[in-house]
Amino acid sequence: MDILFECGNCGKHCCVGADAVGRTFPCPDCGQTVLAPEPVLVFPCPACAAVYSCPESLGGATFFCPACEEKMSIPETSILICSACGVNMKLDADFYDELDGRKLECPECGETLPVPARPRTQKAHSGPHPPGFGNKTLRLDTILESIPQADQLRDGSCPFCGHAVEAYGAKSYTCSHCSRQITMTAPTIKRGDLLEE
């Protein structure tokens, strides 16, 4: 998903890829340094259905779609279009935050639609520990294998926010969305073992 934004100096319309959030670039027209902002709105181009994101300040502005070069008006709220029935669904920022990267059922036809994750600034970290280490750490012991949080983690989802987790070692995971470090410690008793007195 590309990000649309304007040069603060000359107003030139700019477009960068999702991985460029938080980086600076020289404006192609005036040469002034511009920052690729973290977007709030997500919407498709009405002509070609390419999905874009932009800061909230551009709601109502007119841009040319970088993919098809058709003129498009940026909506005031995020919009999803059902691929099955074509209904437009407007999602305010708070509701989109809850659904970000998950799935939504179309209210008209019941089709399950993926909600595109908004591009975020990559948090730089240094040292041996992943982001979130030390301030949001939870330990789940594999002795509790049947608890839903461990099952969610085994499926690749964060037990707190439901977003995808990244493996950071054999039994350690990090959620890129909520920055939690989740560690599965070595079991003391495995499922099915008998305790001897």
C-alpha atoms as a PDB file:
ATOM      1  CA  MET A   1       0.000   0.000   0.000  1.00  0.00           C
ATOM      2  CA  ASP A   2       1.524   3.301  -1.095  1.00  0.00           C
ATOM      3  CA  ILE A   3       1.325   6.503   0.950  1.00  0.00           C
ATOM      4  CA  LEU A   4       0.185   9.800  -0.558  1.00  0.00           C
ATOM      5  CA  PHE A   5       1.265  13.104   0.993  1.00  0.00           C
ATOM      6  CA  GLU A   6       2.142  16.685   0.080  1.00  0.00           C
ATOM      7  CA  CYS A   7       5.394  18.621   0.279  1.00  0.00           C
ATOM      8  CA  GLY A   8       4.967  21.141   3.100  1.00  0.00           C
ATOM      9  CA  ASN A   9       6.952  23.736   1.155  1.00  0.00           C
ATOM     10  CA  CYS A  10       5.544  23.702  -2.395  1.00  0.00           C
ATOM     11  CA  GLY A  11       2.477  21.434  -2.128  1.00  0.00           C
ATOM     12  CA  LYS A  12       3.812  18.855  -4.626  1.00  0.00           C
ATOM     13  CA  HIS A  13       1.874  15.588  -4.435  1.00  0.00           C
ATOM     14  CA  CYS A  14       4.213  12.745  -3.424  1.00  0.00           C
ATOM     15  CA  CYS A  15       3.821   8.974  -3.246  1.00  0.00           C
ATOM     16  CA  VAL A  16       6.114   6.486  -1.485  1.00  0.00           C
ATOM     17  CA  GLY A  17       5.946   2.798  -0.581  1.00  0.00           C
ATOM     18  CA  ALA A  18       4.743   1.573   2.818  1.00  0.00           C
ATOM     19  CA  ASP A  19       8.272   0.810   4.032  1.00  0.00           C
ATOM     20  CA  ALA A  20       9.225   4.492   3.659  1.00  0.00           C
ATOM     21  CA  VAL A  21       7.077   5.716   6.594  1.00  0.00           C
ATOM     22  CA  GLY A  22       9.168   7.967   8.822  1.00  0.00           C
ATOM     23  CA  ARG A  23      11.951   8.484   6.261  1.00  0.00           C
ATOM     24  CA  THR A  24      12.889  11.805   4.687  1.00  0.00           C
ATOM     25  CA  PHE A  25      13.221  12.523   0.965  1.00  0.00           C
ATOM     26  CA  PRO A  26      14.012  15.581  -1.164  1.00  0.00           C
ATOM     27  CA  CYS A  27      10.885  16.985  -2.828  1.00  0.00           C
ATOM     28  CA  PRO A  28      11.074  16.297  -6.608  1.00  0.00           C
ATOM     29  CA  ASP A  29       9.993  19.891  -7.367  1.00  0.00           C
ATOM     30  CA  CYS A  30      11.566  22.225  -4.804  1.00  0.00           C
ATOM     31  CA  GLY A  31      14.252  19.981  -3.257  1.00  0.00           C
ATOM     32  CA  GLN A  32      13.019  20.689   0.301  1.00  0.00           C
ATOM     33  CA  THR A  33      13.330  17.713   2.666  1.00  0.00           C
ATOM     34  CA  VAL A  34       9.927  16.046   3.224  1.00  0.00           C
ATOM     35  CA  LEU A  35       9.008  13.373   5.758  1.00  0.00           C
ATOM     36  CA  ALA A  36       6.845  10.422   4.695  1.00  0.00           C
ATOM     37  CA  PRO A  37       4.085  10.627   7.329  1.00  0.00           C
ATOM     38  CA  GLU A  38       2.398   7.796   9.213  1.00  0.00           C
ATOM     39  CA  PRO A  39      -0.982   7.487   7.463  1.00  0.00           C
ATOM     40  CA  VAL A  40      -4.438   7.454   9.054  1.00  0.00           C
ATOM     41  CA  LEU A  41      -6.816   7.110   6.081  1.00  0.00           C
ATOM     42  CA  VAL A  42      -6.921   3.994   3.875  1.00  0.00           C
ATOM     43  CA  PHE A  43      -8.946   4.038   0.659  1.00  0.00           C
ATOM     44  CA  PRO A  44      -9.053   2.567  -2.863  1.00  0.00           C
ATOM     45  CA  CYS A  45      -8.805   4.489  -6.117  1.00  0.00           C
ATOM     46  CA  PRO A  46     -12.349   4.519  -7.575  1.00  0.00           C
ATOM     47  CA  ALA A  47     -11.010   3.942 -11.103  1.00  0.00           C
ATOM     48  CA  CYS A  48      -8.446   1.130 -10.676  1.00  0.00           C
ATOM     49  CA  ALA A  49      -9.046  -0.082  -7.044  1.00  0.00           C
ATOM     50  CA  ALA A  50      -5.364   0.405  -6.068  1.00  0.00           C
ATOM     51  CA  VAL A  51      -5.284   0.864  -2.273  1.00  0.00           C
ATOM     52  CA  TYR A  52      -3.590   3.962  -0.815  1.00  0.00           C
ATOM     53  CA  SER A  53      -3.134   5.544   2.587  1.00  0.00           C
ATOM     54  CA  CYS A  54      -2.537   9.149   3.597  1.00  0.00           C
ATOM     55  CA  PRO A  55      -2.516  11.482   6.602  1.00  0.00           C
ATOM     56  CA  GLU A  56      -5.907  12.663   7.859  1.00  0.00           C
ATOM     57  CA  SER A  57      -5.105  16.237   6.801  1.00  0.00           C
ATOM     58  CA  LEU A  58      -5.505  15.220   3.125  1.00  0.00           C
ATOM     59  CA  GLY A  59      -9.146  14.135   3.557  1.00  0.00           C
ATOM     60  CA  GLY A  60     -11.140  15.962   0.863  1.00  0.00           C
ATOM     61  CA  ALA A  61      -8.072  16.793  -1.274  1.00  0.00           C
ATOM     62  CA  THR A  62      -7.784  15.825  -4.932  1.00  0.00           C
ATOM     63  CA  PHE A  63      -4.855  13.715  -6.176  1.00  0.00           C
ATOM     64  CA  PHE A  64      -4.011  11.882  -9.372  1.00  0.00           C
ATOM     65  CA  CYS A  65      -3.815   8.125  -8.803  1.00  0.00           C
ATOM     66  CA  PRO A  66      -0.162   7.053  -9.262  1.00  0.00           C
ATOM     67  CA  ALA A  67      -1.300   3.715 -10.778  1.00  0.00           C
ATOM     68  CA  CYS A  68      -3.900   4.784 -13.373  1.00  0.00           C
ATOM     69  CA  GLU A  69      -3.331   8.578 -13.393  1.00  0.00           C
ATOM     70  CA  GLU A  70      -7.076   9.248 -12.954  1.00  0.00           C
ATOM     71  CA  LYS A  71      -8.187  12.163 -10.776  1.00  0.00           C
ATOM     72  CA  MET A  72      -9.500  11.000  -7.397  1.00  0.00           C
ATOM     73  CA  SER A  73     -10.915  12.731  -4.346  1.00  0.00           C
ATOM     74  CA  ILE A  74      -9.490  11.503  -1.041  1.00  0.00           C
ATOM     75  CA  PRO A  75     -12.316  10.565   1.364  1.00  0.00           C
ATOM     76  CA  GLU A  76     -12.665  12.044   4.875  1.00  0.00           C
ATOM     77  CA  THR A  77     -12.690   8.539   6.445  1.00  0.00           C
ATOM     78  CA  SER A  78     -11.127   5.192   5.551  1.00  0.00           C
ATOM     79  CA  ILE A  79     -13.083   3.170   2.984  1.00  0.00           C
ATOM     80  CA  LEU A  80     -13.205  -0.540   2.190  1.00  0.00           C
ATOM     81  CA  ILE A  81     -14.979  -1.821  -0.914  1.00  0.00           C
ATOM     82  CA  CYS A  82     -16.469  -5.317  -0.835  1.00  0.00           C
ATOM     83  CA  SER A  83     -14.985  -7.305  -3.711  1.00  0.00           C
ATOM     84  CA  ALA A  84     -18.125  -9.464  -3.981  1.00  0.00           C
ATOM     85  CA  CYS A  85     -20.993  -6.925  -3.967  1.00  0.00           C
ATOM     86  CA  GLY A  86     -19.171  -3.583  -4.415  1.00  0.00           C
ATOM     87  CA  VAL A  87     -20.609  -1.886  -1.318  1.00  0.00           C
ATOM     88  CA  ASN A  88     -18.500   0.961   0.153  1.00  0.00           C
ATOM     89  CA  MET A  89     -17.886   0.721   3.901  1.00  0.00           C
ATOM     90  CA  LYS A  90     -16.738   3.860   5.716  1.00  0.00           C
ATOM     91  CA  LEU A  91     -14.613   3.177   8.794  1.00  0.00           C
ATOM     92  CA  ASP A  92     -13.704   5.927  11.257  1.00  0.00           C
ATOM     93  CA  ALA A  93     -10.125   6.015  12.595  1.00  0.00           C
ATOM     94  CA  ASP A  94     -10.882   4.330  15.947  1.00  0.00           C
ATOM     95  CA  PHE A  95     -12.829   1.469  14.346  1.00  0.00           C
ATOM     96  CA  TYR A  96     -10.092   1.011  11.724  1.00  0.00           C
ATOM     97  CA  ASP A  97      -7.500   0.812  14.530  1.00  0.00           C
ATOM     98  CA  GLU A  98      -9.453  -2.104  16.035  1.00  0.00           C
ATOM     99  CA  LEU A  99      -9.674  -3.916  12.684  1.00  0.00           C
ATOM    100  CA  ASP A 100      -6.212  -3.000  11.336  1.00  0.00           C
ATOM    101  CA  GLY A 101      -4.750  -6.151   9.732  1.00  0.00           C
ATOM    102  CA  ARG A 102      -7.763  -8.343  10.581  1.00  0.00           C
ATOM    103  CA  LYS A 103     -10.916  -9.332   8.679  1.00  0.00           C
ATOM    104  CA  LEU A 104     -14.349  -7.741   8.445  1.00  0.00           C
ATOM    105  CA  GLU A 105     -17.640  -9.226   7.296  1.00  0.00           C
ATOM    106  CA  CYS A 106     -19.519  -7.258   4.626  1.00  0.00           C
ATOM    107  CA  PRO A 107     -22.873  -6.143   6.068  1.00  0.00           C
ATOM    108  CA  GLU A 108     -24.584  -6.579   2.674  1.00  0.00           C
ATOM    109  CA  CYS A 109     -23.420  -9.970   1.368  1.00  0.00           C
ATOM    110  CA  GLY A 110     -21.515 -11.535   4.296  1.00  0.00           C
ATOM    111  CA  GLU A 111     -18.231 -11.803   2.347  1.00  0.00           C
ATOM    112  CA  THR A 112     -15.128 -11.823   4.583  1.00  0.00           C
ATOM    113  CA  LEU A 113     -12.818  -8.943   3.653  1.00  0.00           C
ATOM    114  CA  PRO A 114      -9.220  -8.397   4.758  1.00  0.00           C
ATOM    115  CA  VAL A 115      -8.669  -4.980   6.354  1.00  0.00           C
ATOM    116  CA  PRO A 116      -5.285  -3.752   5.048  1.00  0.00           C
ATOM    117  CA  ALA A 117      -2.786  -2.949   7.793  1.00  0.00           C
ATOM    118  CA  ARG A 118      -1.776   0.708   7.755  1.00  0.00           C
ATOM    119  CA  PRO A 119       1.927   1.358   7.208  1.00  0.00           C
ATOM    120  CA  ARG A 120       3.677   2.244  10.465  1.00  0.00           C
ATOM    121  CA  THR A 121       7.006   3.810  11.345  1.00  0.00           C
ATOM    122  CA  GLN A 122       9.548   1.071  11.918  1.00  0.00           C
ATOM    123  CA  LYS A 123      10.837   1.289  15.454  1.00  0.00           C
ATOM    124  CA  ALA A 124      14.611   1.115  15.417  1.00  0.00           C
ATOM    125  CA  HIS A 125      16.141  -0.909  18.202  1.00  0.00           C
ATOM    126  CA  SER A 126      19.659  -1.729  19.149  1.00  0.00           C
ATOM    127  CA  GLY A 127      21.164  -4.356  21.344  1.00  0.00           C
ATOM    128  CA  PRO A 128      20.365  -8.019  21.792  1.00  0.00           C
ATOM    129  CA  HIS A 129      16.702  -7.599  22.770  1.00  0.00           C
ATOM    130  CA  PRO A 130      13.716  -7.031  20.477  1.00  0.00           C
ATOM    131  CA  PRO A 131      11.324  -4.060  20.784  1.00  0.00           C
ATOM    132  CA  GLY A 132       9.262  -4.083  23.953  1.00  0.00           C
ATOM    133  CA  PHE A 133      11.733  -6.177  25.923  1.00  0.00           C
ATOM    134  CA  GLY A 134      11.663  -5.261  29.589  1.00  0.00           C
ATOM    135  CA  ASN A 135       8.605  -3.030  29.623  1.00  0.00           C
ATOM    136  CA  LYS A 136       5.941  -5.415  28.340  1.00  0.00           C
ATOM    137  CA  THR A 137       7.147  -8.949  28.992  1.00  0.00           C
ATOM    138  CA  LEU A 138       4.894 -11.925  29.604  1.00  0.00           C
ATOM    139  CA  ARG A 139       5.920 -15.500  30.259  1.00  0.00           C
ATOM    140  CA  LEU A 140       3.677 -18.386  29.240  1.00  0.00           C
ATOM    141  CA  ASP A 141       4.859 -21.739  30.520  1.00  0.00           C
ATOM    142  CA  THR A 142       4.296 -24.635  28.121  1.00  0.00           C
ATOM    143  CA  ILE A 143       2.946 -26.603  31.080  1.00  0.00           C
ATOM    144  CA  LEU A 144      -0.220 -24.594  30.349  1.00  0.00           C
ATOM    145  CA  GLU A 145      -0.401 -25.771  26.735  1.00  0.00           C
ATOM    146  CA  SER A 146      -4.176 -25.830  26.694  1.00  0.00           C
ATOM    147  CA  ILE A 147      -4.684 -22.165  27.555  1.00  0.00           C
ATOM    148  CA  PRO A 148      -6.060 -20.116  24.645  1.00  0.00           C
ATOM    149  CA  GLN A 149      -3.143 -17.653  24.688  1.00  0.00           C
ATOM    150  CA  ALA A 150      -0.621 -20.422  24.012  1.00  0.00           C
ATOM    151  CA  ASP A 151      -2.817 -21.845  21.233  1.00  0.00           C
ATOM    152  CA  GLN A 152      -3.089 -18.370  19.677  1.00  0.00           C
ATOM    153  CA  LEU A 153       0.681 -17.967  19.858  1.00  0.00           C
ATOM    154  CA  ARG A 154       1.220 -21.357  18.200  1.00  0.00           C
ATOM    155  CA  ASP A 155      -1.059 -20.168  15.363  1.00  0.00           C
ATOM    156  CA  GLY A 156       1.186 -17.096  14.882  1.00  0.00           C
ATOM    157  CA  SER A 157      -1.110 -14.530  16.554  1.00  0.00           C
ATOM    158  CA  CYS A 158      -0.437 -12.270  19.522  1.00  0.00           C
ATOM    159  CA  PRO A 159      -2.616 -13.358  22.485  1.00  0.00           C
ATOM    160  CA  PHE A 160      -3.179  -9.687  23.386  1.00  0.00           C
ATOM    161  CA  CYS A 161      -4.044  -7.901  20.139  1.00  0.00           C
ATOM    162  CA  GLY A 162      -4.411 -10.712  17.563  1.00  0.00           C
ATOM    163  CA  HIS A 163      -1.788  -9.360  15.129  1.00  0.00           C
ATOM    164  CA  ALA A 164       0.977 -11.551  13.703  1.00  0.00           C
ATOM    165  CA  VAL A 165       3.983 -12.310  15.906  1.00  0.00           C
ATOM    166  CA  GLU A 166       7.590 -12.658  14.766  1.00  0.00           C
ATOM    167  CA  ALA A 167       9.825 -15.422  16.102  1.00  0.00           C
ATOM    168  CA  TYR A 168      12.802 -14.078  18.021  1.00  0.00           C
ATOM    169  CA  GLY A 169      14.573 -17.286  18.990  1.00  0.00           C
ATOM    170  CA  ALA A 170      13.351 -20.831  19.572  1.00  0.00           C
ATOM    171  CA  LYS A 171      10.540 -20.022  22.025  1.00  0.00           C
ATOM    172  CA  SER A 172      10.449 -16.243  22.043  1.00  0.00           C
ATOM    173  CA  TYR A 173       8.108 -14.049  20.014  1.00  0.00           C
ATOM    174  CA  THR A 174       7.598 -10.325  19.493  1.00  0.00           C
ATOM    175  CA  CYS A 175       4.381  -8.630  18.407  1.00  0.00           C
ATOM    176  CA  SER A 176       5.174  -5.784  16.004  1.00  0.00           C
ATOM    177  CA  HIS A 177       1.788  -4.185  16.701  1.00  0.00           C
ATOM    178  CA  CYS A 178       1.699  -3.983  20.528  1.00  0.00           C
ATOM    179  CA  SER A 179       5.499  -4.497  21.085  1.00  0.00           C
ATOM    180  CA  ARG A 180       4.991  -7.288  23.613  1.00  0.00           C
ATOM    181  CA  GLN A 181       7.779  -9.826  24.157  1.00  0.00           C
ATOM    182  CA  ILE A 182       6.258 -13.280  24.721  1.00  0.00           C
ATOM    183  CA  THR A 183       8.433 -16.153  25.908  1.00  0.00           C
ATOM    184  CA  MET A 184       7.444 -19.793  26.208  1.00  0.00           C
ATOM    185  CA  THR A 185       9.621 -21.210  28.994  1.00  0.00           C
ATOM    186  CA  ALA A 186      10.838 -24.804  29.114  1.00  0.00           C
ATOM    187  CA  PRO A 187       8.170 -27.143  30.493  1.00  0.00           C
ATOM    188  CA  THR A 188       8.500 -28.633  33.944  1.00  0.00           C
ATOM    189  CA  ILE A 189       5.742 -31.180  33.344  1.00  0.00           C
ATOM    190  CA  LYS A 190       4.574 -32.226  29.900  1.00  0.00           C
ATOM    191  CA  ARG A 191       0.988 -33.014  29.096  1.00  0.00           C
ATOM    192  CA  GLY A 192       0.243 -36.648  29.952  1.00  0.00           C
ATOM    193  CA  ASP A 193       3.121 -37.042  32.455  1.00  0.00           C
ATOM    194  CA  LEU A 194       2.294 -38.528  35.848  1.00  0.00           C
ATOM    195  CA  LEU A 195       3.477 -36.937  39.054  1.00  0.00           C
ATOM    196  CA  GLU A 196       5.295 -39.241  41.413  1.00  0.00           C
ATOM    197  CA  GLU A 197       5.380 -38.522  45.123  1.00  0.00           C
END
